[in-house]
Amino acid sequence: MSNYPFENQFPLTDYPYSSREWSNSVDSDPTKNYKMIGFKPGAKLQASELNELQEIFYVQQTLSMNMIHYWLEEVNNNSMTSGPAWEGATPLFPFTNSSGSTMIGFTYSLTPPYGITINMNEGWYLIKEISGIKSWAYLNNSLTKNYGFTPGYYYYAGLSYSTEIVDCADDTTLTDNSSGLWNESVCGADRYQININSIEISPEIGFNYNYFNKILKFGINGATFNVYYINGITL
């Protein structure tokens, strides 16, 4: 996985602060994509969980600021497009970027006469949940989908996702770490996790927003094949 834009462990990683955000979100393979901490009545509150809350906030903020920087550079060069963070999933970068990172959101190829192969690459994507909350999730493994389409119609391509609650029975690193090690007899708080599952492609008419975040719009208009990001940037 790529650590970009994070270059080193976070300020509250080491003991006695023992935040798990660096190990959960950057230094693990696969990335765990824990977005919230669920505190339960009667459960032991760990100082490390409060430190983790702070770092979760700054990780999300850092990714959003990087996205705005790279996407607005593209948007400003095209008056017919709108800003990033549309009603769907937004890759961290629109194309390549000056850092040299390979985390471009996707690639595609056409299969004559009317087929397309879409690859969503490993990297960060801003996901919109059914609740309306948006948060960054890491796609751990690149995804590929082949699809046959009908000329004269437009289609959306994007990512499906799911969410779940993870406790210490699922992940033993969520047990008490106040001593600098894990005490597996004492559970900590739960984690709210987002999982990016698959590429989904759907006709524009009848599109279902539940657990499907659109990224691209494509189709054949006359003799021309068109593909756009949702904000209008042509690819």
Protein backbone atom coordinates (compact mmCIF):
# COMPACT_ATOMS: atom_id res chain seq x y z
CA MET A 1 0.00 0.00 0.00
CA SER A 2 0.99 3.64 -0.37
CA ASN A 3 1.35 5.80 2.73
CA TYR A 4 0.82 9.03 0.79
CA PRO A 5 0.19 11.71 2.04
CA PHE A 6 1.43 10.37 5.40
CA GLU A 7 5.20 10.14 5.73
CA ASN A 8 5.84 8.93 9.27
CA GLN A 9 4.00 7.67 12.32
CA PHE A 10 1.61 10.04 14.02
CA PRO A 11 2.44 12.22 17.08
CA LEU A 12 0.46 10.12 19.57
CA THR A 13 1.50 6.67 18.34
CA ASP A 14 4.15 5.83 20.93
CA TYR A 15 3.65 4.83 24.57
CA PRO A 16 2.23 6.24 26.85
CA TYR A 17 -0.26 7.80 24.37
CA SER A 18 -0.59 4.56 22.33
CA SER A 19 -3.03 5.78 19.68
CA ARG A 20 -3.79 3.02 17.17
CA GLU A 21 -4.65 5.30 14.24
CA TRP A 22 -1.25 4.98 12.57
CA SER A 23 -1.32 1.18 12.77
CA ASN A 24 -5.01 0.98 11.77
CA SER A 25 -5.13 3.47 8.91
CA VAL A 26 -1.64 3.63 7.41
CA ASP A 27 0.81 1.02 8.67
CA SER A 28 -1.42 -2.05 8.40
CA ASP A 29 -1.93 -4.28 5.39
CA PRO A 30 -4.81 -4.37 4.75
CA THR A 31 -5.84 -0.95 6.06
CA LYS A 32 -8.61 -1.42 8.62
CA ASN A 33 -10.71 1.64 7.72
CA TYR A 34 -11.93 2.31 11.27
CA LYS A 35 -13.76 5.64 11.07
CA MET A 36 -15.41 6.00 14.48
CA ILE A 37 -14.93 4.72 18.02
CA GLY A 38 -18.02 3.31 19.72
CA PHE A 39 -17.89 3.75 23.50
CA LYS A 40 -20.17 1.39 25.44
CA PRO A 41 -21.74 1.97 28.87
CA GLY A 42 -19.75 0.20 31.59
CA ALA A 43 -16.73 -0.53 29.39
CA LYS A 44 -13.28 0.66 30.41
CA LEU A 45 -12.32 3.94 28.72
CA GLN A 46 -8.75 3.90 27.45
CA ALA A 47 -6.68 7.07 27.17
CA SER A 48 -5.33 5.68 23.87
CA GLU A 49 -8.85 5.75 22.44
CA LEU A 50 -9.20 9.46 23.19
CA ASN A 51 -5.83 10.03 21.51
CA GLU A 52 -6.99 7.93 18.56
CA LEU A 53 -10.10 10.12 18.19
CA GLN A 54 -7.90 13.15 17.69
CA GLU A 55 -5.75 11.48 15.08
CA ILE A 56 -8.77 10.11 13.18
CA PHE A 57 -9.97 13.70 12.85
CA TYR A 58 -6.64 14.94 11.53
CA VAL A 59 -6.24 12.04 9.10
CA GLN A 60 -9.65 12.78 7.59
CA GLN A 61 -8.92 16.51 7.48
CA THR A 62 -5.50 15.99 5.85
CA LEU A 63 -6.95 13.80 3.11
CA SER A 64 -9.73 16.32 2.41
CA MET A 65 -7.29 19.20 2.15
CA ASN A 66 -5.09 17.23 -0.26
CA MET A 67 -8.11 16.31 -2.37
CA ILE A 68 -9.25 19.94 -2.59
CA HIS A 69 -5.79 21.07 -3.66
CA TYR A 70 -5.38 18.53 -6.48
CA TRP A 71 -8.96 18.55 -7.72
CA LEU A 72 -9.40 22.33 -7.77
CA GLU A 73 -6.30 22.60 -9.95
CA GLU A 74 -8.15 20.49 -12.54
CA VAL A 75 -11.50 22.23 -12.02
CA ASN A 76 -10.00 25.70 -12.43
CA ASN A 77 -8.72 24.69 -15.85
CA ASN A 78 -12.23 23.83 -17.03
CA SER A 79 -15.10 26.26 -16.49
CA MET A 80 -17.68 23.57 -17.34
CA THR A 81 -16.89 21.41 -14.31
CA SER A 82 -17.76 21.67 -10.62
CA GLY A 83 -15.78 21.07 -7.47
CA PRO A 84 -14.84 17.70 -5.93
CA ALA A 85 -16.75 15.69 -3.28
CA TRP A 86 -19.82 15.08 -5.44
CA GLU A 87 -22.76 12.76 -4.67
CA GLY A 88 -20.66 9.62 -4.83
CA ALA A 89 -17.07 8.50 -4.24
CA THR A 90 -14.19 10.85 -5.03
CA PRO A 91 -10.63 9.53 -5.57
CA LEU A 92 -7.91 11.47 -3.76
CA PHE A 93 -6.36 12.48 -7.12
CA PRO A 94 -8.10 13.20 -10.43
CA PHE A 95 -5.19 11.95 -12.54
CA THR A 96 -1.52 11.74 -11.61
CA ASN A 97 -0.01 14.27 -9.21
CA SER A 98 3.18 16.17 -8.62
CA SER A 99 4.21 13.99 -5.66
CA GLY A 100 4.83 11.10 -8.02
CA SER A 101 2.23 8.96 -6.25
CA THR A 102 0.59 6.24 -8.34
CA MET A 103 -2.73 6.60 -6.56
CA ILE A 104 -4.71 7.71 -9.60
CA GLY A 105 -8.30 6.64 -9.02
CA PHE A 106 -8.94 4.42 -12.03
CA THR A 107 -8.11 3.32 -15.56
CA TYR A 108 -10.32 1.92 -18.31
CA SER A 109 -10.11 0.23 -21.71
CA LEU A 110 -12.71 -0.43 -24.41
CA THR A 111 -13.54 -3.86 -25.80
CA PRO A 112 -15.09 -3.69 -29.29
CA PRO A 113 -17.80 -3.32 -30.18
CA TYR A 114 -19.55 -2.22 -26.95
CA GLY A 115 -17.65 -3.36 -23.89
CA ILE A 116 -15.60 -1.63 -21.22
CA THR A 117 -13.13 -2.84 -18.59
CA ILE A 118 -12.79 -0.56 -15.56
CA ASN A 119 -10.02 -0.82 -12.97
CA MET A 120 -10.40 1.00 -9.66
CA ASN A 121 -6.90 1.30 -8.26
CA GLU A 122 -5.71 0.88 -4.69
CA GLY A 123 -5.90 4.15 -2.79
CA TRP A 124 -8.06 6.61 -0.86
CA TYR A 125 -11.68 7.31 -1.82
CA LEU A 126 -14.11 9.74 -0.19
CA ILE A 127 -17.25 7.67 0.44
CA LYS A 128 -20.72 9.04 1.08
CA GLU A 129 -22.81 6.84 3.35
CA ILE A 130 -26.60 6.54 3.44
CA SER A 131 -26.58 8.76 6.55
CA GLY A 132 -25.03 11.57 4.51
CA ILE A 133 -21.71 11.39 6.39
CA LYS A 134 -18.63 11.43 4.14
CA SER A 135 -15.35 9.84 5.19
CA TRP A 136 -12.18 8.56 3.58
CA ALA A 137 -11.74 4.82 3.12
CA TYR A 138 -8.77 2.97 1.65
CA LEU A 139 -9.28 0.47 -1.16
CA ASN A 140 -6.76 -2.20 -0.22
CA ASN A 141 -6.81 -4.19 -3.44
CA SER A 142 -7.44 -2.95 -6.97
CA LEU A 143 -10.78 -3.98 -8.48
CA THR A 144 -11.66 -4.84 -12.08
CA LYS A 145 -15.01 -5.20 -13.82
CA ASN A 146 -15.99 -5.95 -17.42
CA TYR A 147 -19.31 -4.62 -18.67
CA GLY A 148 -21.24 -4.65 -21.95
CA PHE A 149 -23.23 -1.50 -22.65
CA THR A 150 -25.82 -0.31 -25.17
CA PRO A 151 -25.11 2.65 -27.48
CA GLY A 152 -27.32 5.68 -26.94
CA TYR A 153 -27.53 5.23 -23.17
CA TYR A 154 -25.36 6.51 -20.33
CA TYR A 155 -24.11 4.53 -17.36
CA TYR A 156 -22.60 5.19 -13.94
CA ALA A 157 -19.58 3.29 -12.62
CA GLY A 158 -18.50 3.47 -8.99
CA LEU A 159 -17.87 1.57 -5.78
CA SER A 160 -20.15 -0.36 -3.48
CA TYR A 161 -19.43 -0.40 0.24
CA SER A 162 -20.63 -1.92 3.49
CA THR A 163 -20.24 -1.02 7.15
CA GLU A 164 -19.92 -3.04 10.33
CA ILE A 165 -19.14 -2.78 14.02
CA VAL A 166 -15.88 -4.47 15.05
CA ASP A 167 -15.18 -5.45 18.67
CA CYS A 168 -12.22 -7.03 20.45
CA ALA A 169 -13.45 -10.53 19.61
CA ASP A 170 -13.00 -9.62 15.94
CA ASP A 171 -9.75 -7.66 16.41
CA THR A 172 -7.64 -8.41 19.50
CA THR A 173 -5.69 -5.15 19.04
CA LEU A 174 -8.80 -3.42 20.39
CA THR A 175 -8.16 -4.77 23.88
CA ASP A 176 -6.63 -2.64 26.66
CA ASN A 177 -3.19 -1.34 25.66
CA SER A 178 -2.57 1.00 28.61
CA SER A 179 0.56 -0.92 29.66
CA GLY A 180 2.09 -0.66 26.19
CA LEU A 181 1.00 -4.24 25.41
CA TRP A 182 -2.44 -5.74 24.76
CA ASN A 183 -4.28 -7.13 27.75
CA GLU A 184 -6.62 -9.52 25.94
CA SER A 185 -8.79 -10.01 29.02
CA VAL A 186 -10.00 -6.38 28.93
CA CYS A 187 -11.93 -5.15 25.91
CA GLY A 188 -11.86 -1.55 24.78
CA ALA A 189 -14.35 0.37 22.65
CA ASP A 190 -15.75 -0.93 19.37
CA ARG A 191 -14.84 0.45 15.97
CA TYR A 192 -17.10 1.50 13.12
CA GLN A 193 -15.60 0.16 9.90
CA ILE A 194 -16.20 0.92 6.21
CA ASN A 195 -15.42 -1.77 3.65
CA ILE A 196 -15.13 -1.03 -0.08
CA ASN A 197 -16.43 -4.19 -1.73
CA SER A 198 -16.70 -4.04 -5.50
CA ILE A 199 -17.07 -2.01 -8.67
CA GLU A 200 -20.69 -1.46 -9.61
CA ILE A 201 -22.00 -0.30 -13.01
CA SER A 202 -25.59 0.81 -13.49
CA PRO A 203 -27.69 2.54 -16.16
CA GLU A 204 -28.15 6.24 -15.45
CA ILE A 205 -31.92 5.71 -15.38
CA GLY A 206 -32.90 3.65 -12.36
CA PHE A 207 -29.63 4.18 -10.49
CA ASN A 208 -29.77 2.98 -6.87
CA TYR A 209 -27.88 5.16 -4.37
CA ASN A 210 -27.95 2.62 -1.52
CA TYR A 211 -24.37 1.47 -0.84
CA PHE A 212 -23.23 2.48 -4.34
CA ASN A 213 -21.09 5.60 -4.85
CA LYS A 214 -20.82 6.72 -8.47
CA ILE A 215 -17.46 7.99 -9.76
CA LEU A 216 -17.79 7.92 -13.57
CA LYS A 217 -20.39 8.48 -16.23
CA PHE A 218 -19.86 6.91 -19.65
CA GLY A 219 -21.65 6.08 -22.90
CA ILE A 220 -21.66 6.42 -26.67
CA ASN A 221 -23.14 9.56 -28.21
CA GLY A 222 -23.31 9.07 -31.96
CA ALA A 223 -19.94 7.66 -32.95
CA THR A 224 -18.09 9.09 -29.94
CA PHE A 225 -17.43 7.27 -26.68
CA ASN A 226 -17.52 9.69 -23.72
CA VAL A 227 -16.33 9.12 -20.16
CA TYR A 228 -16.39 11.75 -17.40
CA TYR A 229 -15.90 12.07 -13.72
CA ILE A 230 -19.24 12.94 -12.07
CA ASN A 231 -18.21 16.59 -11.78
CA GLY A 232 -17.80 16.87 -15.56
CA ILE A 233 -14.04 16.45 -16.06
CA THR A 234 -13.56 14.59 -19.35
CA LEU A 235 -11.24 11.62 -19.47
